[in-house]
Amino acid sequence: VQLQASGGGLVQAGGSMRLSCVASGGAFSRNAVAWFRQAPGKEREFVAAFRLGSGSTAYADSVKGRFTISRTNAKDPTYLQMNSLKPEDTAVYYCASSSGWIILSRLRDSNAYDYWGQGTQVTVSS
């Protein structure tokens, strides 16, 4: 399975952007897909996750109420709608997918994901 993230770019603070993550080479009907991000000089951090089957979602506190993760079915892209962007949202955003069902408590755990995309740069100017 290969993941392709796209949709990044430059936006002013307060603006919006939508990232997409497309999977090829396979589809899992009950897996989880997540977005993580890594800013320069910082560790990779969890942003949002969606678990297909249950429709459960999880968000980092820093993006809750501003970002929305969505996915319709196993074959559709996973989207991350980002609104009210802040300069501190600047980072490389990575999408990740598990190969199967994972429990809710592990949605934020990067080790729970088996496949990773190459990342897309999001830059928010002040």
C-alpha atoms as a PDB file:
ATOM      1  CA  VAL A   1       0.000   0.000   0.000  1.00  0.00           C
ATOM      2  CA  GLN A   2       1.277   3.415  -0.960  1.00  0.00           C
ATOM      3  CA  LEU A   3      -0.066   6.635   0.484  1.00  0.00           C
ATOM      4  CA  GLN A   4       0.090   9.923  -1.382  1.00  0.00           C
ATOM      5  CA  ALA A   5      -0.523  13.133   0.536  1.00  0.00           C
ATOM      6  CA  SER A   6      -1.272  16.357  -1.297  1.00  0.00           C
ATOM      7  CA  GLY A   7      -2.875  19.752  -0.877  1.00  0.00           C
ATOM      8  CA  GLY A   8      -0.222  21.566   1.101  1.00  0.00           C
ATOM      9  CA  GLY A   9       1.071  25.025   0.333  1.00  0.00           C
ATOM     10  CA  LEU A  10       1.260  28.545   1.670  1.00  0.00           C
ATOM     11  CA  VAL A  11      -1.695  30.262   3.317  1.00  0.00           C
ATOM     12  CA  GLN A  12      -2.173  33.301   5.505  1.00  0.00           C
ATOM     13  CA  ALA A  13      -3.143  32.984   9.121  1.00  0.00           C
ATOM     14  CA  GLY A  14      -6.888  32.569   9.454  1.00  0.00           C
ATOM     15  CA  GLY A  15      -7.145  30.859   6.107  1.00  0.00           C
ATOM     16  CA  SER A  16      -8.181  27.336   5.181  1.00  0.00           C
ATOM     17  CA  MET A  17      -6.619  24.414   3.401  1.00  0.00           C
ATOM     18  CA  ARG A  18      -7.650  20.845   2.628  1.00  0.00           C
ATOM     19  CA  LEU A  19      -5.191  17.992   2.550  1.00  0.00           C
ATOM     20  CA  SER A  20      -5.881  14.715   0.759  1.00  0.00           C
ATOM     21  CA  CYS A  21      -4.442  11.273   1.302  1.00  0.00           C
ATOM     22  CA  VAL A  22      -4.922   8.694  -1.428  1.00  0.00           C
ATOM     23  CA  ALA A  23      -4.088   5.032  -0.954  1.00  0.00           C
ATOM     24  CA  SER A  24      -3.086   2.768  -3.811  1.00  0.00           C
ATOM     25  CA  GLY A  25      -2.229  -0.888  -3.973  1.00  0.00           C
ATOM     26  CA  GLY A  26      -4.858  -2.007  -1.523  1.00  0.00           C
ATOM     27  CA  ALA A  27      -7.835  -1.040   0.573  1.00  0.00           C
ATOM     28  CA  PHE A  28      -8.777  -1.947   4.096  1.00  0.00           C
ATOM     29  CA  SER A  29     -12.377  -1.864   5.159  1.00  0.00           C
ATOM     30  CA  ARG A  30     -11.906  -1.439   8.881  1.00  0.00           C
ATOM     31  CA  ASN A  31      -8.647   0.359   9.292  1.00  0.00           C
ATOM     32  CA  ALA A  32      -7.749   3.746  10.691  1.00  0.00           C
ATOM     33  CA  VAL A  33      -6.192   6.656   8.856  1.00  0.00           C
ATOM     34  CA  ALA A  34      -4.458   9.491  10.611  1.00  0.00           C
ATOM     35  CA  TRP A  35      -2.602  12.703  10.035  1.00  0.00           C
ATOM     36  CA  PHE A  36       0.566  13.542  11.889  1.00  0.00           C
ATOM     37  CA  ARG A  37       2.761  16.593  11.497  1.00  0.00           C
ATOM     38  CA  GLN A  38       6.326  17.552  12.157  1.00  0.00           C
ATOM     39  CA  ALA A  39       7.561  21.097  12.519  1.00  0.00           C
ATOM     40  CA  PRO A  40      11.245  21.995  12.153  1.00  0.00           C
ATOM     41  CA  GLY A  41      13.187  20.989  15.232  1.00  0.00           C
ATOM     42  CA  LYS A  42      10.223  19.224  16.785  1.00  0.00           C
ATOM     43  CA  GLU A  43       9.064  15.651  17.079  1.00  0.00           C
ATOM     44  CA  ARG A  44       6.295  14.271  14.936  1.00  0.00           C
ATOM     45  CA  GLU A  45       2.940  14.790  16.621  1.00  0.00           C
ATOM     46  CA  PHE A  46      -0.544  13.434  16.202  1.00  0.00           C
ATOM     47  CA  VAL A  47      -3.115  15.668  14.517  1.00  0.00           C
ATOM     48  CA  ALA A  48      -6.268  13.673  13.745  1.00  0.00           C
ATOM     49  CA  ALA A  49      -7.476  10.134  13.067  1.00  0.00           C
ATOM     50  CA  PHE A  50     -10.512   8.440  11.592  1.00  0.00           C
ATOM     51  CA  ARG A  51     -11.466   4.825  12.129  1.00  0.00           C
ATOM     52  CA  LEU A  52     -13.501   3.351   9.293  1.00  0.00           C
ATOM     53  CA  GLY A  53     -16.275   1.021  10.363  1.00  0.00           C
ATOM     54  CA  SER A  54     -17.115   2.844  13.563  1.00  0.00           C
ATOM     55  CA  GLY A  55     -16.634   6.332  12.182  1.00  0.00           C
ATOM     56  CA  SER A  56     -14.748   7.262  15.326  1.00  0.00           C
ATOM     57  CA  THR A  57     -12.496  10.297  15.205  1.00  0.00           C
ATOM     58  CA  ALA A  58      -9.794  11.705  17.417  1.00  0.00           C
ATOM     59  CA  TYR A  59      -8.122  15.110  17.402  1.00  0.00           C
ATOM     60  CA  ALA A  60      -5.196  16.741  19.080  1.00  0.00           C
ATOM     61  CA  ASP A  61      -6.303  19.431  21.506  1.00  0.00           C
ATOM     62  CA  SER A  62      -4.392  22.014  19.499  1.00  0.00           C
ATOM     63  CA  VAL A  63      -6.560  21.472  16.392  1.00  0.00           C
ATOM     64  CA  LYS A  64      -9.899  20.494  17.902  1.00  0.00           C
ATOM     65  CA  GLY A  65     -12.679  22.675  16.544  1.00  0.00           C
ATOM     66  CA  ARG A  66     -10.529  23.891  13.637  1.00  0.00           C
ATOM     67  CA  PHE A  67      -9.601  20.696  11.771  1.00  0.00           C
ATOM     68  CA  THR A  68     -11.902  17.987  10.480  1.00  0.00           C
ATOM     69  CA  ILE A  69     -10.859  14.567   9.247  1.00  0.00           C
ATOM     70  CA  SER A  70     -13.224  12.734   6.946  1.00  0.00           C
ATOM     71  CA  ARG A  71     -13.442   9.657   4.840  1.00  0.00           C
ATOM     72  CA  THR A  72     -16.416   8.039   3.150  1.00  0.00           C
ATOM     73  CA  ASN A  73     -15.294   4.484   2.507  1.00  0.00           C
ATOM     74  CA  ALA A  74     -12.184   2.360   2.140  1.00  0.00           C
ATOM     75  CA  LYS A  75     -11.598   3.378  -1.470  1.00  0.00           C
ATOM     76  CA  ASP A  76     -12.061   7.127  -1.091  1.00  0.00           C
ATOM     77  CA  PRO A  77      -9.359   9.606  -0.095  1.00  0.00           C
ATOM     78  CA  THR A  78      -9.007  10.742   3.467  1.00  0.00           C
ATOM     79  CA  TYR A  79      -9.307  14.489   3.852  1.00  0.00           C
ATOM     80  CA  LEU A  80      -8.094  16.884   6.480  1.00  0.00           C
ATOM     81  CA  GLN A  81      -9.984  20.159   6.339  1.00  0.00           C
ATOM     82  CA  MET A  82      -8.022  22.822   8.166  1.00  0.00           C
ATOM     83  CA  ASN A  83      -9.709  26.086   9.078  1.00  0.00           C
ATOM     84  CA  SER A  84      -8.589  29.101  11.082  1.00  0.00           C
ATOM     85  CA  LEU A  85      -4.985  28.180  10.437  1.00  0.00           C
ATOM     86  CA  LYS A  86      -2.300  29.566  12.706  1.00  0.00           C
ATOM     87  CA  PRO A  87       1.436  30.027  12.143  1.00  0.00           C
ATOM     88  CA  GLU A  88       2.034  27.251  14.668  1.00  0.00           C
ATOM     89  CA  ASP A  89       0.266  24.846  12.300  1.00  0.00           C
ATOM     90  CA  THR A  90       3.243  25.151   9.951  1.00  0.00           C
ATOM     91  CA  ALA A  91       4.722  21.691   9.485  1.00  0.00           C
ATOM     92  CA  VAL A  92       5.117  18.778   7.141  1.00  0.00           C
ATOM     93  CA  TYR A  93       1.900  16.789   7.328  1.00  0.00           C
ATOM     94  CA  TYR A  94       1.987  13.022   6.941  1.00  0.00           C
ATOM     95  CA  CYS A  95      -0.893  10.645   6.428  1.00  0.00           C
ATOM     96  CA  ALA A  96      -0.705   7.168   7.848  1.00  0.00           C
ATOM     97  CA  SER A  97      -2.837   4.058   7.631  1.00  0.00           C
ATOM     98  CA  SER A  98      -3.179   0.981   9.740  1.00  0.00           C
ATOM     99  CA  SER A  99      -3.633  -2.402   8.067  1.00  0.00           C
ATOM    100  CA  GLY A 100      -6.478  -3.382  10.344  1.00  0.00           C
ATOM    101  CA  TRP A 101      -8.660  -2.517  13.275  1.00  0.00           C
ATOM    102  CA  ILE A 102      -7.029  -0.609  16.108  1.00  0.00           C
ATOM    103  CA  ILE A 103      -8.549   0.306  19.426  1.00  0.00           C
ATOM    104  CA  LEU A 104      -9.556   3.879  20.135  1.00  0.00           C
ATOM    105  CA  SER A 105      -6.836   4.382  22.718  1.00  0.00           C
ATOM    106  CA  ARG A 106      -4.204   3.762  20.060  1.00  0.00           C
ATOM    107  CA  LEU A 107      -5.486   6.165  17.418  1.00  0.00           C
ATOM    108  CA  ARG A 108      -2.971   8.773  18.601  1.00  0.00           C
ATOM    109  CA  ASP A 109      -0.060   6.311  18.631  1.00  0.00           C
ATOM    110  CA  SER A 110       2.180   6.539  15.557  1.00  0.00           C
ATOM    111  CA  ASN A 111       3.352   2.975  16.192  1.00  0.00           C
ATOM    112  CA  ALA A 112      -0.164   1.722  15.448  1.00  0.00           C
ATOM    113  CA  TYR A 113       0.140   2.691  11.785  1.00  0.00           C
ATOM    114  CA  ASP A 114       1.753   0.481   9.183  1.00  0.00           C
ATOM    115  CA  TYR A 115       1.891   2.701   6.116  1.00  0.00           C
ATOM    116  CA  TRP A 116       3.039   6.280   5.739  1.00  0.00           C
ATOM    117  CA  GLY A 117       2.867   8.865   2.980  1.00  0.00           C
ATOM    118  CA  GLN A 118       5.729  11.114   1.957  1.00  0.00           C
ATOM    119  CA  GLY A 119       4.403  14.275   3.596  1.00  0.00           C
ATOM    120  CA  THR A 120       3.133  17.585   2.303  1.00  0.00           C
ATOM    121  CA  GLN A 121       4.373  20.970   3.485  1.00  0.00           C
ATOM    122  CA  VAL A 122       1.902  23.380   5.055  1.00  0.00           C
ATOM    123  CA  THR A 123       3.137  26.900   5.726  1.00  0.00           C
ATOM    124  CA  VAL A 124       0.983  29.463   7.511  1.00  0.00           C
ATOM    125  CA  SER A 125       2.209  33.029   7.354  1.00  0.00           C
ATOM    126  CA  SER A 126       1.394  35.575  10.035  1.00  0.00           C
END
